[in-house]
Amino acid sequence: MVLIHGLGGSQREWDVAGVKLARQFRIITFDQRGHGASSRSSDYSWNTRVDDLAALIQEMELHDVTLVGHS
Protein backbone atom coordinates (compact mmCIF):
# COMPACT_ATOMS: atom_id res chain seq x y z
CA MET A 1 0.00 0.00 0.00
CA VAL A 2 1.50 3.33 -1.07
CA LEU A 3 0.28 6.28 0.99
CA ILE A 4 0.47 9.63 -0.83
CA HIS A 5 0.36 12.86 1.16
CA GLY A 6 -1.56 15.99 0.22
CA LEU A 7 -0.41 19.28 -1.25
CA GLY A 8 1.99 21.11 1.05
CA GLY A 9 2.42 18.07 3.29
CA SER A 10 4.93 15.29 3.69
CA GLN A 11 5.07 11.56 4.23
CA ARG A 12 4.97 12.25 7.98
CA GLU A 13 1.22 12.90 7.63
CA TRP A 14 0.83 9.12 7.50
CA ASP A 15 2.79 8.29 10.67
CA VAL A 16 -0.22 7.35 12.82
CA ALA A 17 -2.34 5.70 10.13
CA GLY A 18 0.69 3.98 8.63
CA VAL A 19 1.53 2.23 11.90
CA LYS A 20 -2.02 0.93 12.18
CA LEU A 21 -2.20 -0.14 8.53
CA ALA A 22 1.18 -1.86 8.81
CA ARG A 23 -0.46 -4.51 10.97
CA GLN A 24 -2.04 -5.89 7.78
CA PHE A 25 -0.18 -4.34 4.84
CA ARG A 26 3.28 -3.42 3.65
CA ILE A 27 3.24 0.38 3.89
CA ILE A 28 5.30 2.74 1.75
CA THR A 29 5.30 6.52 2.09
CA PHE A 30 7.40 9.09 0.28
CA ASP A 31 7.77 12.85 -0.03
CA GLN A 32 6.46 14.08 -3.36
CA ARG A 33 8.83 16.38 -5.21
CA GLY A 34 9.19 19.75 -3.52
CA HIS A 35 7.63 18.47 -0.28
CA GLY A 36 9.14 17.30 2.99
CA ALA A 37 12.74 16.20 2.56
CA SER A 38 12.58 15.94 -1.26
CA SER A 39 14.38 18.28 -3.62
CA ARG A 40 12.76 21.33 -5.10
CA SER A 41 11.75 21.20 -8.74
CA SER A 42 10.66 23.49 -11.54
CA ASP A 43 8.04 20.96 -12.68
CA TYR A 44 5.12 20.08 -10.42
CA SER A 45 2.75 19.01 -13.18
CA TRP A 46 0.41 16.08 -12.72
CA ASN A 47 2.25 14.14 -15.44
CA THR A 48 5.57 14.56 -13.67
CA ARG A 49 4.11 13.57 -10.30
CA VAL A 50 2.54 10.46 -11.87
CA ASP A 51 5.89 9.65 -13.49
CA ASP A 52 7.57 9.97 -10.08
CA LEU A 53 5.04 7.58 -8.55
CA ALA A 54 5.47 5.10 -11.41
CA ALA A 55 9.26 5.25 -10.97
CA LEU A 56 8.90 4.53 -7.25
CA ILE A 57 6.67 1.52 -7.94
CA GLN A 58 9.07 0.21 -10.58
CA GLU A 59 12.22 0.83 -8.51
CA MET A 60 10.74 -0.97 -5.51
CA GLU A 61 9.41 -3.75 -7.76
CA LEU A 62 5.92 -3.43 -6.29
CA HIS A 63 3.02 -5.49 -7.64
CA ASP A 64 -0.72 -5.35 -6.92
CA VAL A 65 -0.31 -1.89 -5.41
CA THR A 66 -3.08 -0.08 -3.58
CA LEU A 67 -2.71 3.70 -3.71
CA VAL A 68 -4.18 5.81 -0.92
CA GLY A 69 -4.00 9.58 -1.05
CA HIS A 70 -5.59 12.74 0.24
CA SER A 71 -5.44 16.44 -0.37
PDB file of N, CA and C in Angstrom:
ATOM      1  N   MET A   1       0.856  -1.156   0.000  1.00  0.00           N
ATOM      2  CA  MET A   1       0.000   0.000   0.000  1.00  0.00           C
ATOM      3  C   MET A   1       0.910   1.229   0.000  1.00  0.00           C
ATOM      4  N   VAL A   2       0.733   2.094  -0.987  1.00  0.00           N
ATOM      5  CA  VAL A   2       1.502   3.326  -1.070  1.00  0.00           C
ATOM      6  C   VAL A   2       0.592   4.461  -0.612  1.00  0.00           C
ATOM      7  N   LEU A   3       1.034   5.170   0.426  1.00  0.00           N
ATOM      8  CA  LEU A   3       0.276   6.278   0.988  1.00  0.00           C
ATOM      9  C   LEU A   3       0.859   7.587   0.460  1.00  0.00           C
ATOM     10  N   ILE A   4       0.014   8.402  -0.161  1.00  0.00           N
ATOM     11  CA  ILE A   4       0.466   9.629  -0.826  1.00  0.00           C
ATOM     12  C   ILE A   4      -0.101  10.830  -0.080  1.00  0.00           C
ATOM     13  N   HIS A   5       0.779  11.694   0.391  1.00  0.00           N
ATOM     14  CA  HIS A   5       0.356  12.862   1.161  1.00  0.00           C
ATOM     15  C   HIS A   5      -0.264  13.950   0.278  1.00  0.00           C
ATOM     16  N   GLY A   6      -0.908  14.890   0.915  1.00  0.00           N
ATOM     17  CA  GLY A   6      -1.565  15.987   0.220  1.00  0.00           C
ATOM     18  C   GLY A   6      -0.634  17.147  -0.100  1.00  0.00           C
ATOM     19  N   LEU A   7      -1.156  18.099  -0.843  1.00  0.00           N
ATOM     20  CA  LEU A   7      -0.411  19.284  -1.251  1.00  0.00           C
ATOM     21  C   LEU A   7       0.100  20.037  -0.029  1.00  0.00           C
ATOM     22  N   GLY A   8       1.384  20.360  -0.042  1.00  0.00           N
ATOM     23  CA  GLY A   8       1.992  21.111   1.047  1.00  0.00           C
ATOM     24  C   GLY A   8       2.372  20.254   2.241  1.00  0.00           C
ATOM     25  N   GLY A   9       2.134  18.957   2.169  1.00  0.00           N
ATOM     26  CA  GLY A   9       2.417  18.068   3.292  1.00  0.00           C
ATOM     27  C   GLY A   9       3.701  17.295   3.109  1.00  0.00           C
ATOM     28  N   SER A  10       3.778  16.184   3.808  1.00  0.00           N
ATOM     29  CA  SER A  10       4.928  15.292   3.686  1.00  0.00           C
ATOM     30  C   SER A  10       4.485  13.882   4.073  1.00  0.00           C
ATOM     31  N   GLN A  11       5.378  12.948   3.882  1.00  0.00           N
ATOM     32  CA  GLN A  11       5.070  11.565   4.226  1.00  0.00           C
ATOM     33  C   GLN A  11       4.761  11.401   5.709  1.00  0.00           C
ATOM     34  N   ARG A  12       5.213  12.324   6.532  1.00  0.00           N
ATOM     35  CA  ARG A  12       4.969  12.250   7.979  1.00  0.00           C
ATOM     36  C   ARG A  12       3.480  12.333   8.317  1.00  0.00           C
ATOM     37  N   GLU A  13       2.664  12.837   7.398  1.00  0.00           N
ATOM     38  CA  GLU A  13       1.224  12.902   7.629  1.00  0.00           C
ATOM     39  C   GLU A  13       0.638  11.519   7.858  1.00  0.00           C
ATOM     40  N   TRP A  14       1.329  10.485   7.407  1.00  0.00           N
ATOM     41  CA  TRP A  14       0.828   9.121   7.497  1.00  0.00           C
ATOM     42  C   TRP A  14       1.379   8.362   8.697  1.00  0.00           C
ATOM     43  N   ASP A  15       2.136   9.002   9.563  1.00  0.00           N
ATOM     44  CA  ASP A  15       2.786   8.292  10.665  1.00  0.00           C
ATOM     45  C   ASP A  15       1.802   7.467  11.500  1.00  0.00           C
ATOM     46  N   VAL A  16       0.722   8.053  11.942  1.00  0.00           N
ATOM     47  CA  VAL A  16      -0.217   7.345  12.820  1.00  0.00           C
ATOM     48  C   VAL A  16      -0.981   6.285  12.044  1.00  0.00           C
ATOM     49  N   ALA A  17      -1.565   6.666  10.923  1.00  0.00           N
ATOM     50  CA  ALA A  17      -2.338   5.703  10.133  1.00  0.00           C
ATOM     51  C   ALA A  17      -1.439   4.599   9.587  1.00  0.00           C
ATOM     52  N   GLY A  18      -0.232   4.955   9.187  1.00  0.00           N
ATOM     53  CA  GLY A  18       0.694   3.977   8.634  1.00  0.00           C
ATOM     54  C   GLY A  18       1.037   2.871   9.611  1.00  0.00           C
ATOM     55  N   VAL A  19       1.226   3.230  10.870  1.00  0.00           N
ATOM     56  CA  VAL A  19       1.526   2.229  11.896  1.00  0.00           C
ATOM     57  C   VAL A  19       0.349   1.264  12.035  1.00  0.00           C
ATOM     58  N   LYS A  20      -0.845   1.794  12.042  1.00  0.00           N
ATOM     59  CA  LYS A  20      -2.025   0.934  12.176  1.00  0.00           C
ATOM     60  C   LYS A  20      -2.219   0.054  10.946  1.00  0.00           C
ATOM     61  N   LEU A  21      -2.047   0.630   9.768  1.00  0.00           N
ATOM     62  CA  LEU A  21      -2.203  -0.138   8.533  1.00  0.00           C
ATOM     63  C   LEU A  21      -1.118  -1.201   8.376  1.00  0.00           C
ATOM     64  N   ALA A  22       0.060  -0.930   8.933  1.00  0.00           N
ATOM     65  CA  ALA A  22       1.185  -1.864   8.809  1.00  0.00           C
ATOM     66  C   ALA A  22       0.928  -3.191   9.516  1.00  0.00           C
ATOM     67  N   ARG A  23      -0.106  -3.247  10.323  1.00  0.00           N
ATOM     68  CA  ARG A  23      -0.460  -4.515  10.969  1.00  0.00           C
ATOM     69  C   ARG A  23      -0.965  -5.521   9.939  1.00  0.00           C
ATOM     70  N   GLN A  24      -1.480  -5.006   8.810  1.00  0.00           N
ATOM     71  CA  GLN A  24      -2.042  -5.891   7.784  1.00  0.00           C
ATOM     72  C   GLN A  24      -1.411  -5.736   6.405  1.00  0.00           C
ATOM     73  N   PHE A  25      -0.696  -4.632   6.173  1.00  0.00           N
ATOM     74  CA  PHE A  25      -0.178  -4.335   4.842  1.00  0.00           C
ATOM     75  C   PHE A  25       1.279  -3.892   4.912  1.00  0.00           C
ATOM     76  N   ARG A  26       1.969  -4.060   3.813  1.00  0.00           N
ATOM     77  CA  ARG A  26       3.284  -3.423   3.655  1.00  0.00           C
ATOM     78  C   ARG A  26       2.995  -1.969   3.299  1.00  0.00           C
ATOM     79  N   ILE A  27       3.525  -1.046   4.073  1.00  0.00           N
ATOM     80  CA  ILE A  27       3.243   0.379   3.887  1.00  0.00           C
ATOM     81  C   ILE A  27       4.469   1.100   3.348  1.00  0.00           C
ATOM     82  N   ILE A  28       4.238   1.915   2.324  1.00  0.00           N
ATOM     83  CA  ILE A  28       5.296   2.740   1.748  1.00  0.00           C
ATOM     84  C   ILE A  28       4.785   4.171   1.696  1.00  0.00           C
ATOM     85  N   THR A  29       5.589   5.091   2.211  1.00  0.00           N
ATOM     86  CA  THR A  29       5.297   6.517   2.092  1.00  0.00           C
ATOM     87  C   THR A  29       6.505   7.184   1.445  1.00  0.00           C
ATOM     88  N   PHE A  30       6.297   8.343   0.893  1.00  0.00           N
ATOM     89  CA  PHE A  30       7.396   9.086   0.280  1.00  0.00           C
ATOM     90  C   PHE A  30       7.018  10.560   0.243  1.00  0.00           C
ATOM     91  N   ASP A  31       8.007  11.419   0.149  1.00  0.00           N
ATOM     92  CA  ASP A  31       7.769  12.849  -0.035  1.00  0.00           C
ATOM     93  C   ASP A  31       7.696  13.134  -1.525  1.00  0.00           C
ATOM     94  N   GLN A  32       6.566  13.684  -1.955  1.00  0.00           N
ATOM     95  CA  GLN A  32       6.464  14.081  -3.356  1.00  0.00           C
ATOM     96  C   GLN A  32       7.457  15.214  -3.627  1.00  0.00           C
ATOM     97  N   ARG A  33       7.832  15.368  -4.868  1.00  0.00           N
ATOM     98  CA  ARG A  33       8.833  16.382  -5.213  1.00  0.00           C
ATOM     99  C   ARG A  33       8.432  17.752  -4.672  1.00  0.00           C
ATOM    100  N   GLY A  34       9.416  18.430  -4.083  1.00  0.00           N
ATOM    101  CA  GLY A  34       9.187  19.754  -3.518  1.00  0.00           C
ATOM    102  C   GLY A  34       8.496  19.753  -2.168  1.00  0.00           C
ATOM    103  N   HIS A  35       8.293  18.596  -1.580  1.00  0.00           N
ATOM    104  CA  HIS A  35       7.635  18.474  -0.284  1.00  0.00           C
ATOM    105  C   HIS A  35       8.543  17.734   0.689  1.00  0.00           C
ATOM    106  N   GLY A  36       8.360  18.006   1.976  1.00  0.00           N
ATOM    107  CA  GLY A  36       9.136  17.296   2.991  1.00  0.00           C
ATOM    108  C   GLY A  36      10.628  17.391   2.734  1.00  0.00           C
ATOM    109  N   ALA A  37      11.285  16.242   2.728  1.00  0.00           N
ATOM    110  CA  ALA A  37      12.738  16.199   2.555  1.00  0.00           C
ATOM    111  C   ALA A  37      13.166  16.059   1.088  1.00  0.00           C
ATOM    112  N   SER A  38      12.213  16.092   0.161  1.00  0.00           N
ATOM    113  CA  SER A  38      12.577  15.942  -1.255  1.00  0.00           C
ATOM    114  C   SER A  38      13.146  17.243  -1.820  1.00  0.00           C
ATOM    115  N   SER A  39      13.778  17.118  -2.958  1.00  0.00           N
ATOM    116  CA  SER A  39      14.383  18.276  -3.620  1.00  0.00           C
ATOM    117  C   SER A  39      13.329  19.153  -4.273  1.00  0.00           C
ATOM    118  N   ARG A  40      13.631  20.412  -4.373  1.00  0.00           N
ATOM    119  CA  ARG A  40      12.760  21.332  -5.103  1.00  0.00           C
ATOM    120  C   ARG A  40      12.822  21.019  -6.585  1.00  0.00           C
ATOM    121  N   SER A  41      11.826  21.481  -7.311  1.00  0.00           N
ATOM    122  CA  SER A  41      11.748  21.201  -8.740  1.00  0.00           C
ATOM    123  C   SER A  41      11.140  22.395  -9.446  1.00  0.00           C
ATOM    124  N   SER A  42      11.330  22.452 -10.733  1.00  0.00           N
ATOM    125  CA  SER A  42      10.660  23.489 -11.539  1.00  0.00           C
ATOM    126  C   SER A  42       9.420  22.908 -12.219  1.00  0.00           C
ATOM    127  N   ASP A  43       9.175  21.613 -12.018  1.00  0.00           N
ATOM    128  CA  ASP A  43       8.044  20.956 -12.675  1.00  0.00           C
ATOM    129  C   ASP A  43       7.213  20.184 -11.650  1.00  0.00           C
ATOM    130  N   TYR A  44       6.040  20.724 -11.360  1.00  0.00           N
ATOM    131  CA  TYR A  44       5.122  20.077 -10.420  1.00  0.00           C
ATOM    132  C   TYR A  44       3.840  19.637 -11.127  1.00  0.00           C
ATOM    133  N   SER A  45       3.936  19.393 -12.412  1.00  0.00           N
ATOM    134  CA  SER A  45       2.750  19.011 -13.185  1.00  0.00           C
ATOM    135  C   SER A  45       2.252  17.639 -12.749  1.00  0.00           C
ATOM    136  N   TRP A  46       0.980  17.383 -13.041  1.00  0.00           N
ATOM    137  CA  TRP A  46       0.408  16.076 -12.720  1.00  0.00           C
ATOM    138  C   TRP A  46       1.170  14.959 -13.419  1.00  0.00           C
ATOM    139  N   ASN A  47       1.518  15.178 -14.690  1.00  0.00           N
ATOM    140  CA  ASN A  47       2.247  14.136 -15.444  1.00  0.00           C
ATOM    141  C   ASN A  47       3.569  13.787 -14.778  1.00  0.00           C
ATOM    142  N   THR A  48       4.284  14.797 -14.315  1.00  0.00           N
ATOM    143  CA  THR A  48       5.567  14.559 -13.670  1.00  0.00           C
ATOM    144  C   THR A  48       5.380  13.838 -12.341  1.00  0.00           C
ATOM    145  N   ARG A  49       4.365  14.217 -11.590  1.00  0.00           N
ATOM    146  CA  ARG A  49       4.106  13.567 -10.302  1.00  0.00           C
ATOM    147  C   ARG A  49       3.689  12.108 -10.503  1.00  0.00           C
ATOM    148  N   VAL A  50       2.910  11.848 -11.551  1.00  0.00           N
ATOM    149  CA  VAL A  50       2.535  10.462 -11.872  1.00  0.00           C
ATOM    150  C   VAL A  50       3.775   9.678 -12.298  1.00  0.00           C
ATOM    151  N   ASP A  51       4.635  10.299 -13.087  1.00  0.00           N
ATOM    152  CA  ASP A  51       5.887   9.646 -13.494  1.00  0.00           C
ATOM    153  C   ASP A  51       6.747   9.312 -12.275  1.00  0.00           C
ATOM    154  N   ASP A  52       6.804  10.230 -11.303  1.00  0.00           N
ATOM    155  CA  ASP A  52       7.566   9.972 -10.079  1.00  0.00           C
ATOM    156  C   ASP A  52       7.001   8.756  -9.340  1.00  0.00           C
ATOM    157  N   LEU A  53       5.692   8.696  -9.231  1.00  0.00           N
ATOM    158  CA  LEU A  53       5.040   7.579  -8.554  1.00  0.00           C
ATOM    159  C   LEU A  53       5.308   6.268  -9.298  1.00  0.00           C
ATOM    160  N   ALA A  54       5.195   6.303 -10.613  1.00  0.00           N
ATOM    161  CA  ALA A  54       5.469   5.104 -11.415  1.00  0.00           C
ATOM    162  C   ALA A  54       6.915   4.648 -11.242  1.00  0.00           C
ATOM    163  N   ALA A  55       7.848   5.593 -11.172  1.00  0.00           N
ATOM    164  CA  ALA A  55       9.258   5.247 -10.975  1.00  0.00           C
ATOM    165  C   ALA A  55       9.483   4.611  -9.610  1.00  0.00           C
ATOM    166  N   LEU A  56       8.809   5.114  -8.589  1.00  0.00           N
ATOM    167  CA  LEU A  56       8.902   4.532  -7.250  1.00  0.00           C
ATOM    168  C   LEU A  56       8.410   3.087  -7.262  1.00  0.00           C
ATOM    169  N   ILE A  57       7.252   2.862  -7.877  1.00  0.00           N
ATOM    170  CA  ILE A  57       6.673   1.523  -7.942  1.00  0.00           C
ATOM    171  C   ILE A  57       7.600   0.571  -8.696  1.00  0.00           C
ATOM    172  N   GLN A  58       8.160   1.049  -9.791  1.00  0.00           N
ATOM    173  CA  GLN A  58       9.071   0.210 -10.578  1.00  0.00           C
ATOM    174  C   GLN A  58      10.367  -0.057  -9.816  1.00  0.00           C
ATOM    175  N   GLU A  59      10.953   0.975  -9.233  1.00  0.00           N
ATOM    176  CA  GLU A  59      12.219   0.828  -8.514  1.00  0.00           C
ATOM    177  C   GLU A  59      12.090  -0.140  -7.333  1.00  0.00           C
ATOM    178  N   MET A  60      10.957  -0.093  -6.661  1.00  0.00           N
ATOM    179  CA  MET A  60      10.743  -0.966  -5.505  1.00  0.00           C
ATOM    180  C   MET A  60      10.162  -2.321  -5.901  1.00  0.00           C
ATOM    181  N   GLU A  61       9.946  -2.502  -7.222  1.00  0.00           N
ATOM    182  CA  GLU A  61       9.411  -3.753  -7.764  1.00  0.00           C
ATOM    183  C   GLU A  61       8.118  -4.159  -7.064  1.00  0.00           C
ATOM    184  N   LEU A  62       7.210  -3.189  -6.948  1.00  0.00           N
ATOM    185  CA  LEU A  62       5.920  -3.427  -6.291  1.00  0.00           C
ATOM    186  C   LEU A  62       4.932  -3.997  -7.297  1.00  0.00           C
ATOM    187  N   HIS A  63       4.061  -4.884  -6.813  1.00  0.00           N
ATOM    188  CA  HIS A  63       3.022  -5.487  -7.637  1.00  0.00           C
ATOM    189  C   HIS A  63       1.718  -5.436  -6.860  1.00  0.00           C
ATOM    190  N   ASP A  64       0.601  -5.395  -7.565  1.00  0.00           N
ATOM    191  CA  ASP A  64      -0.718  -5.347  -6.924  1.00  0.00           C
ATOM    192  C   ASP A  64      -0.774  -4.228  -5.887  1.00  0.00           C
ATOM    193  N   VAL A  65      -0.425  -3.042  -6.303  1.00  0.00           N
ATOM    194  CA  VAL A  65      -0.314  -1.891  -5.414  1.00  0.00           C
ATOM    195  C   VAL A  65      -1.676  -1.254  -5.179  1.00  0.00           C
ATOM    196  N   THR A  66      -1.933  -0.901  -3.936  1.00  0.00           N
ATOM    197  CA  THR A  66      -3.084  -0.082  -3.584  1.00  0.00           C
ATOM    198  C   THR A  66      -2.563   1.305  -3.273  1.00  0.00           C
ATOM    199  N   LEU A  67      -3.103   2.313  -3.954  1.00  0.00           N
ATOM    200  CA  LEU A  67      -2.707   3.701  -3.706  1.00  0.00           C
ATOM    201  C   LEU A  67      -3.756   4.357  -2.827  1.00  0.00           C
ATOM    202  N   VAL A  68      -3.291   5.063  -1.803  1.00  0.00           N
ATOM    203  CA  VAL A  68      -4.179   5.809  -0.917  1.00  0.00           C
ATOM    204  C   VAL A  68      -3.631   7.219  -0.820  1.00  0.00           C
ATOM    205  N   GLY A  69      -4.475   8.201  -1.113  1.00  0.00           N
ATOM    206  CA  GLY A  69      -4.004   9.580  -1.050  1.00  0.00           C
ATOM    207  C   GLY A  69      -5.067  10.497  -0.499  1.00  0.00           C
ATOM    208  N   HIS A  70      -4.649  11.707  -0.214  1.00  0.00           N
ATOM    209  CA  HIS A  70      -5.588  12.736   0.238  1.00  0.00           C
ATOM    210  C   HIS A  70      -5.020  14.102  -0.111  1.00  0.00           C
ATOM    211  N   SER A  71      -5.885  15.072  -0.153  1.00  0.00           N
ATOM    212  CA  SER A  71      -5.445  16.435  -0.374  1.00  0.00           C
ATOM    213  C   SER A  71      -6.563  17.376  -0.008  1.00  0.00           C
TER     214      SER A  71
END
